């Protein structure tokens, strides 16, 4: 209950702080004049009397820091006793995947028989491994030995 009240107060202070900062007017000094003279008066602005908006900004900033620290302390105290969402809702146990035999690495073609309406997978014949490598090598060596062709 107290955490909810502090959180609501924190959000309201955040909105108030944003509005108060945006309502303030700038110091009318650009960044180029900050490096060119008049010392720190140009960079940080002249120190004049505090307006209502600057006082409101100071108070809102102090309240913002206090509510931030309060929420951080509450969160750290709850973290030790609370469990995570994963602890409260464990993942359902699924059945192990069925073992699938390794796929046949040979190329194949699926044939559709119109008479029976059945599909049949037929493996394609492969040339022996020794012959495939020798045929490619013999053709290139023959071309390389006879440059007259």
C-alpha atoms as a PDB file:
ATOM      1  CA  UNK A   1       0.000   0.000   0.000  1.00  0.00           C
ATOM      2  CA  UNK A   2       2.746   2.450   0.940  1.00  0.00           C
ATOM      3  CA  UNK A   3       4.738   1.494  -2.158  1.00  0.00           C
ATOM      4  CA  UNK A   4       1.753   2.311  -4.345  1.00  0.00           C
ATOM      5  CA  UNK A   5       1.338   5.727  -2.723  1.00  0.00           C
ATOM      6  CA  UNK A   6       5.044   6.539  -3.073  1.00  0.00           C
ATOM      7  CA  UNK A   7       4.987   5.419  -6.706  1.00  0.00           C
ATOM      8  CA  UNK A   8       1.974   7.623  -7.513  1.00  0.00           C
ATOM      9  CA  UNK A   9       3.626  10.555  -5.718  1.00  0.00           C
ATOM     10  CA  UNK A  10       6.855   9.908  -7.638  1.00  0.00           C
ATOM     11  CA  UNK A  11       5.073   9.980 -11.007  1.00  0.00           C
ATOM     12  CA  UNK A  12       3.221  13.188 -10.113  1.00  0.00           C
ATOM     13  CA  UNK A  13       6.484  14.832  -9.036  1.00  0.00           C
ATOM     14  CA  UNK A  14       8.073  13.726 -12.326  1.00  0.00           C
ATOM     15  CA  UNK A  15       5.346  15.384 -14.366  1.00  0.00           C
ATOM     16  CA  UNK A  16       5.489  18.536 -12.229  1.00  0.00           C
ATOM     17  CA  UNK A  17       9.276  18.711 -12.571  1.00  0.00           C
ATOM     18  CA  UNK A  18       9.109  18.386 -16.357  1.00  0.00           C
ATOM     19  CA  UNK A  19       6.486  21.136 -16.607  1.00  0.00           C
ATOM     20  CA  UNK A  20       8.363  23.513 -14.298  1.00  0.00           C
ATOM     21  CA  UNK A  21      11.653  23.039 -16.147  1.00  0.00           C
ATOM     22  CA  UNK A  22       9.996  23.589 -19.530  1.00  0.00           C
ATOM     23  CA  UNK A  23       8.277  26.763 -18.335  1.00  0.00           C
ATOM     24  CA  UNK A  24      11.547  28.424 -17.350  1.00  0.00           C
ATOM     25  CA  UNK A  25      13.160  30.782 -19.841  1.00  0.00           C
ATOM     26  CA  UNK A  26      16.720  30.283 -21.024  1.00  0.00           C
ATOM     27  CA  UNK A  27      19.682  32.474 -20.086  1.00  0.00           C
ATOM     28  CA  UNK A  28      19.870  33.851 -23.681  1.00  0.00           C
ATOM     29  CA  UNK A  29      23.533  32.881 -23.985  1.00  0.00           C
ATOM     30  CA  UNK A  30      24.619  30.490 -26.718  1.00  0.00           C
ATOM     31  CA  UNK A  31      27.504  28.027 -26.554  1.00  0.00           C
ATOM     32  CA  UNK A  32      29.830  30.187 -28.660  1.00  0.00           C
ATOM     33  CA  UNK A  33      29.786  33.012 -26.135  1.00  0.00           C
ATOM     34  CA  UNK A  34      30.631  30.558 -23.370  1.00  0.00           C
ATOM     35  CA  UNK A  35      34.151  30.134 -24.765  1.00  0.00           C
ATOM     36  CA  UNK A  36      34.766  33.734 -25.734  1.00  0.00           C
ATOM     37  CA  UNK A  37      34.815  35.888 -22.657  1.00  0.00           C
ATOM     38  CA  UNK A  38      32.947  37.160 -19.631  1.00  0.00           C
ATOM     39  CA  UNK A  39      34.232  34.190 -17.620  1.00  0.00           C
ATOM     40  CA  UNK A  40      31.785  31.894 -15.901  1.00  0.00           C
ATOM     41  CA  UNK A  41      28.990  34.441 -15.922  1.00  0.00           C
ATOM     42  CA  UNK A  42      28.151  33.540 -19.527  1.00  0.00           C
ATOM     43  CA  UNK A  43      28.508  29.786 -19.122  1.00  0.00           C
ATOM     44  CA  UNK A  44      26.485  29.451 -15.956  1.00  0.00           C
ATOM     45  CA  UNK A  45      24.405  32.608 -16.160  1.00  0.00           C
ATOM     46  CA  UNK A  46      24.411  35.529 -13.782  1.00  0.00           C
ATOM     47  CA  UNK A  47      23.433  34.736 -10.239  1.00  0.00           C
ATOM     48  CA  UNK A  48      20.297  36.723  -9.650  1.00  0.00           C
ATOM     49  CA  UNK A  49      17.334  36.505  -7.362  1.00  0.00           C
ATOM     50  CA  UNK A  50      15.533  33.186  -7.393  1.00  0.00           C
ATOM     51  CA  UNK A  51      12.151  33.199  -9.093  1.00  0.00           C
ATOM     52  CA  UNK A  52       9.128  31.162  -8.112  1.00  0.00           C
ATOM     53  CA  UNK A  53       9.843  28.689 -10.907  1.00  0.00           C
ATOM     54  CA  UNK A  54      13.447  28.150  -9.840  1.00  0.00           C
ATOM     55  CA  UNK A  55      12.353  27.559  -6.238  1.00  0.00           C
ATOM     56  CA  UNK A  56       9.670  25.131  -7.421  1.00  0.00           C
ATOM     57  CA  UNK A  57      12.310  23.329  -9.488  1.00  0.00           C
ATOM     58  CA  UNK A  58      14.562  22.980  -6.460  1.00  0.00           C
ATOM     59  CA  UNK A  59      11.770  21.623  -4.274  1.00  0.00           C
ATOM     60  CA  UNK A  60      10.540  19.231  -6.982  1.00  0.00           C
ATOM     61  CA  UNK A  61      14.075  17.951  -7.609  1.00  0.00           C
ATOM     62  CA  UNK A  62      14.594  17.302  -3.896  1.00  0.00           C
ATOM     63  CA  UNK A  63      11.255  15.472  -3.627  1.00  0.00           C
ATOM     64  CA  UNK A  64      12.089  13.481  -6.773  1.00  0.00           C
ATOM     65  CA  UNK A  65      15.376  12.321  -5.242  1.00  0.00           C
ATOM     66  CA  UNK A  66      13.706  11.379  -1.967  1.00  0.00           C
ATOM     67  CA  UNK A  67      10.958   9.339  -3.633  1.00  0.00           C
ATOM     68  CA  UNK A  68      13.551   7.672  -5.894  1.00  0.00           C
ATOM     69  CA  UNK A  69      15.627   6.604  -2.889  1.00  0.00           C
ATOM     70  CA  UNK A  70      12.524   5.434  -1.039  1.00  0.00           C
ATOM     71  CA  UNK A  71      11.397   3.291  -3.963  1.00  0.00           C
ATOM     72  CA  UNK A  72      14.913   1.889  -4.359  1.00  0.00           C
ATOM     73  CA  UNK A  73      15.027   0.900  -0.677  1.00  0.00           C
ATOM     74  CA  UNK A  74      11.598  -0.748  -0.885  1.00  0.00           C
ATOM     75  CA  UNK A  75      12.637  -2.635  -4.011  1.00  0.00           C
ATOM     76  CA  UNK A  76      15.857  -3.921  -2.433  1.00  0.00           C
ATOM     77  CA  UNK A  77      14.000  -5.168   0.653  1.00  0.00           C
ATOM     78  CA  UNK A  78      11.418  -6.975  -1.453  1.00  0.00           C
ATOM     79  CA  UNK A  79      14.031  -8.516  -3.748  1.00  0.00           C
ATOM     80  CA  UNK A  80      15.407 -10.797  -1.023  1.00  0.00           C
ATOM     81  CA  UNK A  81      12.079 -12.421  -0.179  1.00  0.00           C
ATOM     82  CA  UNK A  82      10.314 -12.343  -3.533  1.00  0.00           C
ATOM     83  CA  UNK A  83      10.768 -14.958  -6.175  1.00  0.00           C
ATOM     84  CA  UNK A  84      10.997 -14.319  -9.869  1.00  0.00           C
ATOM     85  CA  UNK A  85       8.213 -14.823 -12.366  1.00  0.00           C
ATOM     86  CA  UNK A  86      10.030 -17.869 -13.708  1.00  0.00           C
ATOM     87  CA  UNK A  87      10.058 -19.448 -10.242  1.00  0.00           C
ATOM     88  CA  UNK A  88       6.329 -18.863  -9.776  1.00  0.00           C
ATOM     89  CA  UNK A  89       5.340 -20.123 -13.240  1.00  0.00           C
ATOM     90  CA  UNK A  90       7.665 -22.925 -14.338  1.00  0.00           C
ATOM     91  CA  UNK A  91       7.704 -23.961 -17.962  1.00  0.00           C
ATOM     92  CA  UNK A  92       5.510 -26.972 -18.748  1.00  0.00           C
ATOM     93  CA  UNK A  93       7.362 -30.209 -19.300  1.00  0.00           C
ATOM     94  CA  UNK A  94       7.113 -31.366 -22.879  1.00  0.00           C
ATOM     95  CA  UNK A  95       7.497 -34.890 -24.166  1.00  0.00           C
ATOM     96  CA  UNK A  96      10.879 -35.719 -25.680  1.00  0.00           C
ATOM     97  CA  UNK A  97      11.065 -35.453 -29.432  1.00  0.00           C
ATOM     98  CA  UNK A  98      10.684 -38.770 -31.245  1.00  0.00           C
ATOM     99  CA  UNK A  99      13.839 -40.131 -32.737  1.00  0.00           C
ATOM    100  CA  UNK A 100      13.889 -39.659 -36.475  1.00  0.00           C
ATOM    101  CA  UNK A 101      16.184 -41.821 -38.554  1.00  0.00           C
ATOM    102  CA  UNK A 102      18.775 -39.834 -40.505  1.00  0.00           C
ATOM    103  CA  UNK A 103      17.563 -38.897 -43.963  1.00  0.00           C
ATOM    104  CA  UNK A 104      18.763 -40.847 -46.949  1.00  0.00           C
ATOM    105  CA  UNK A 105      21.471 -38.754 -48.563  1.00  0.00           C
ATOM    106  CA  UNK A 106      20.958 -40.240 -51.989  1.00  0.00           C
ATOM    107  CA  UNK A 107      19.070 -38.184 -54.598  1.00  0.00           C
ATOM    108  CA  UNK A 108      15.591 -39.459 -55.403  1.00  0.00           C
ATOM    109  CA  UNK A 109      12.555 -38.684 -57.542  1.00  0.00           C
ATOM    110  CA  UNK A 110       8.905 -38.944 -56.524  1.00  0.00           C
ATOM    111  CA  UNK A 111       6.821 -40.594 -59.241  1.00  0.00           C
ATOM    112  CA  UNK A 112       3.039 -40.351 -59.445  1.00  0.00           C
ATOM    113  CA  UNK A 113       1.295 -43.398 -60.895  1.00  0.00           C
ATOM    114  CA  UNK A 114      -1.884 -42.206 -62.660  1.00  0.00           C
ATOM    115  CA  UNK A 115      -3.414 -45.676 -62.853  1.00  0.00           C
ATOM    116  CA  UNK A 116      -3.321 -46.370 -59.114  1.00  0.00           C
ATOM    117  CA  UNK A 117      -3.040 -42.790 -57.845  1.00  0.00           C
ATOM    118  CA  UNK A 118      -0.093 -43.704 -55.630  1.00  0.00           C
ATOM    119  CA  UNK A 119       3.135 -41.795 -55.115  1.00  0.00           C
ATOM    120  CA  UNK A 120       6.400 -43.662 -55.091  1.00  0.00           C
ATOM    121  CA  UNK A 121       9.886 -42.354 -54.302  1.00  0.00           C
ATOM    122  CA  UNK A 122      12.533 -43.893 -56.518  1.00  0.00           C
ATOM    123  CA  UNK A 123      16.231 -43.432 -55.690  1.00  0.00           C
ATOM    124  CA  UNK A 124      18.405 -42.253 -58.562  1.00  0.00           C
ATOM    125  CA  UNK A 125      21.387 -44.398 -59.574  1.00  0.00           C
ATOM    126  CA  UNK A 126      24.750 -42.898 -58.718  1.00  0.00           C
ATOM    127  CA  UNK A 127      27.952 -43.594 -60.637  1.00  0.00           C
ATOM    128  CA  UNK A 128      30.653 -45.282 -58.587  1.00  0.00           C
ATOM    129  CA  UNK A 129      32.789 -42.733 -56.784  1.00  0.00           C
ATOM    130  CA  UNK A 130      36.057 -43.770 -58.410  1.00  0.00           C
ATOM    131  CA  UNK A 131      34.705 -43.451 -61.978  1.00  0.00           C
ATOM    132  CA  UNK A 132      33.175 -39.995 -61.520  1.00  0.00           C
ATOM    133  CA  UNK A 133      36.463 -38.484 -60.356  1.00  0.00           C
ATOM    134  CA  UNK A 134      38.527 -40.198 -63.064  1.00  0.00           C
ATOM    135  CA  UNK A 135      36.295 -39.160 -65.954  1.00  0.00           C
ATOM    136  CA  UNK A 136      36.544 -35.475 -65.119  1.00  0.00           C
ATOM    137  CA  UNK A 137      40.295 -35.677 -64.635  1.00  0.00           C
ATOM    138  CA  UNK A 138      40.961 -37.616 -67.860  1.00  0.00           C
ATOM    139  CA  UNK A 139      39.055 -35.147 -70.033  1.00  0.00           C
ATOM    140  CA  UNK A 140      40.922 -32.132 -68.726  1.00  0.00           C
ATOM    141  CA  UNK A 141      44.319 -33.862 -69.037  1.00  0.00           C
ATOM    142  CA  UNK A 142      43.615 -34.889 -72.647  1.00  0.00           C
ATOM    143  CA  UNK A 143      42.770 -31.307 -73.589  1.00  0.00           C
ATOM    144  CA  UNK A 144      45.865 -29.980 -71.869  1.00  0.00           C
ATOM    145  CA  UNK A 145      48.248 -32.438 -73.652  1.00  0.00           C
ATOM    146  CA  UNK A 146      47.034 -31.673 -77.189  1.00  0.00           C
ATOM    147  CA  UNK A 147      47.262 -27.884 -77.684  1.00  0.00           C
ATOM    148  CA  UNK A 148      46.805 -28.223 -81.489  1.00  0.00           C
ATOM    149  CA  UNK A 149      43.087 -28.988 -81.151  1.00  0.00           C
END
